[in-house]
């Protein structure tokens, strides 16, 4: 977990580490924080590469694109790290891509933070008794 890694490396509380990793200005001006986040990015990137390699060895299908979502998808240099390690294009997943959200009250919230709504939208699209 990135938050726990930063917490341990920088001697912060869990809550302080959580706030710092998402504060782009804090990351920009704190080399120790950047190094800690980069360590996490490297670990997760190699885990993703290993999963893709395993998928290929079992299926012989190539992975042409990687989509990231969730709050940590905005983590400093994460997408670039994954792309460098896997040599595969990495994009943000937008759950609203094919959904008309023009009538939504807080349109700006949805369009500026779509990664926050992946699970909620997925659940909203389910039918009664889906498992």
Protein backbone atom coordinates (compact mmCIF):
# COMPACT_ATOMS: atom_id res chain seq x y z
CA UNK A 1 0.00 0.00 0.00
CA UNK A 2 1.40 3.38 -1.04
CA UNK A 3 0.09 5.20 2.00
CA UNK A 4 1.73 2.74 4.39
CA UNK A 5 5.02 2.88 2.47
CA UNK A 6 5.11 6.69 2.64
CA UNK A 7 4.04 6.58 6.27
CA UNK A 8 6.89 4.21 7.14
CA UNK A 9 9.58 5.93 5.02
CA UNK A 10 8.76 9.48 6.15
CA UNK A 11 7.64 8.77 9.71
CA UNK A 12 4.15 10.19 9.20
CA UNK A 13 0.76 9.25 10.55
CA UNK A 14 -1.44 7.27 8.18
CA UNK A 15 -3.75 10.25 7.68
CA UNK A 16 -0.87 12.66 6.98
CA UNK A 17 0.67 10.25 4.47
CA UNK A 18 -2.71 9.85 2.75
CA UNK A 19 -3.07 13.61 2.36
CA UNK A 20 0.53 14.12 1.21
CA UNK A 21 0.54 11.55 -1.59
CA UNK A 22 -2.43 13.24 -3.26
CA UNK A 23 -1.08 16.79 -2.80
CA UNK A 24 0.75 17.47 -6.07
CA UNK A 25 2.53 20.49 -4.60
CA UNK A 26 3.79 18.51 -1.60
CA UNK A 27 5.09 15.80 -3.95
CA UNK A 28 6.67 18.33 -6.31
CA UNK A 29 8.80 19.91 -3.57
CA UNK A 30 9.60 16.87 -1.40
CA UNK A 31 12.26 14.57 -2.87
CA UNK A 32 11.85 11.98 -0.08
CA UNK A 33 8.15 11.79 -0.82
CA UNK A 34 8.85 11.47 -4.55
CA UNK A 35 11.32 8.63 -3.89
CA UNK A 36 8.81 6.80 -1.69
CA UNK A 37 6.04 7.14 -4.26
CA UNK A 38 8.44 6.07 -7.03
CA UNK A 39 9.31 2.96 -5.03
CA UNK A 40 5.62 2.10 -4.80
CA UNK A 41 5.13 2.85 -8.51
CA UNK A 42 7.99 0.53 -9.42
CA UNK A 43 6.58 -2.28 -7.28
CA UNK A 44 3.07 -1.99 -8.69
CA UNK A 45 4.37 -1.61 -12.25
CA UNK A 46 6.32 -4.87 -12.02
CA UNK A 47 3.31 -6.64 -10.50
CA UNK A 48 1.22 -5.45 -13.46
CA UNK A 49 3.92 -6.55 -15.91
CA UNK A 50 4.08 -9.96 -14.26
CA UNK A 51 0.27 -10.33 -14.53
CA UNK A 52 0.33 -9.35 -18.20
CA UNK A 53 3.18 -11.78 -18.91
CA UNK A 54 1.30 -14.55 -17.12
CA UNK A 55 -1.87 -13.74 -19.07
CA UNK A 56 0.08 -13.89 -22.34
CA UNK A 57 1.77 -17.19 -21.48
CA UNK A 58 -1.63 -18.76 -20.75
CA UNK A 59 -3.64 -17.25 -23.58
CA UNK A 60 -1.21 -15.98 -26.23
CA UNK A 61 -3.21 -12.74 -26.34
CA UNK A 62 -1.26 -9.48 -26.27
CA UNK A 63 -2.37 -6.63 -24.06
CA UNK A 64 -2.65 -3.48 -26.16
CA UNK A 65 -3.79 -0.97 -23.55
CA UNK A 66 -3.91 -0.56 -19.79
CA UNK A 67 -6.57 1.49 -18.02
CA UNK A 68 -6.14 2.75 -14.48
CA UNK A 69 -8.93 3.89 -12.19
CA UNK A 70 -9.56 4.73 -8.58
CA UNK A 71 -8.15 7.44 -6.38
CA UNK A 72 -4.52 6.39 -6.76
CA UNK A 73 -4.74 6.64 -10.54
CA UNK A 74 -3.79 10.30 -10.02
CA UNK A 75 -0.68 9.34 -8.05
CA UNK A 76 2.53 11.14 -9.07
CA UNK A 77 4.15 9.39 -12.09
CA UNK A 78 2.12 6.16 -11.71
CA UNK A 79 0.87 5.94 -15.29
CA UNK A 80 4.30 6.81 -16.70
CA UNK A 81 5.93 4.18 -14.48
CA UNK A 82 3.51 1.48 -15.62
CA UNK A 83 4.01 2.49 -19.25
CA UNK A 84 7.83 2.42 -18.93
CA UNK A 85 7.79 -0.99 -17.27
CA UNK A 86 5.22 -2.70 -19.49
CA UNK A 87 5.84 -0.77 -22.71
CA UNK A 88 2.05 -0.61 -23.11
CA UNK A 89 -0.07 2.53 -23.45
CA UNK A 90 -1.67 3.55 -20.13
CA UNK A 91 -4.84 5.65 -19.92
CA UNK A 92 -7.33 6.78 -17.32
CA UNK A 93 -10.54 4.76 -17.30
CA UNK A 94 -13.57 7.00 -17.74
CA UNK A 95 -16.73 5.17 -16.66
CA UNK A 96 -18.89 7.91 -18.22
CA UNK A 97 -17.39 7.65 -21.70
CA UNK A 98 -20.54 6.21 -23.32
CA UNK A 99 -23.10 7.61 -20.89
CA UNK A 100 -24.97 10.88 -21.36
CA UNK A 101 -24.31 12.89 -18.20
CA UNK A 102 -25.22 16.29 -19.64
CA UNK A 103 -28.25 16.65 -17.35
CA UNK A 104 -26.36 15.87 -14.16
CA UNK A 105 -26.50 18.58 -11.49
CA UNK A 106 -22.79 18.50 -10.61
CA UNK A 107 -21.41 17.96 -14.10
CA UNK A 108 -18.01 19.47 -13.20
CA UNK A 109 -17.48 16.99 -10.35
CA UNK A 110 -18.17 14.03 -12.63
CA UNK A 111 -16.00 15.25 -15.49
CA UNK A 112 -13.04 16.32 -13.36
CA UNK A 113 -13.01 13.21 -11.12
CA UNK A 114 -14.55 10.31 -13.07
CA UNK A 115 -12.24 7.81 -11.34
CA UNK A 116 -14.18 8.37 -8.10
CA UNK A 117 -17.34 6.86 -9.55
CA UNK A 118 -16.25 3.54 -11.08
CA UNK A 119 -17.74 1.32 -8.39
CA UNK A 120 -20.87 3.43 -7.88
CA UNK A 121 -21.63 3.47 -11.61
CA UNK A 122 -20.98 -0.25 -11.92
CA UNK A 123 -23.39 -0.96 -9.09
CA UNK A 124 -25.98 1.44 -10.52
CA UNK A 125 -25.93 -0.41 -13.85
CA UNK A 126 -26.66 -3.79 -12.27
CA UNK A 127 -30.07 -5.39 -12.51
CA UNK A 128 -32.01 -6.78 -9.57
CA UNK A 129 -30.60 -10.17 -8.52
CA UNK A 130 -27.31 -9.70 -10.46
CA UNK A 131 -24.40 -11.33 -8.69
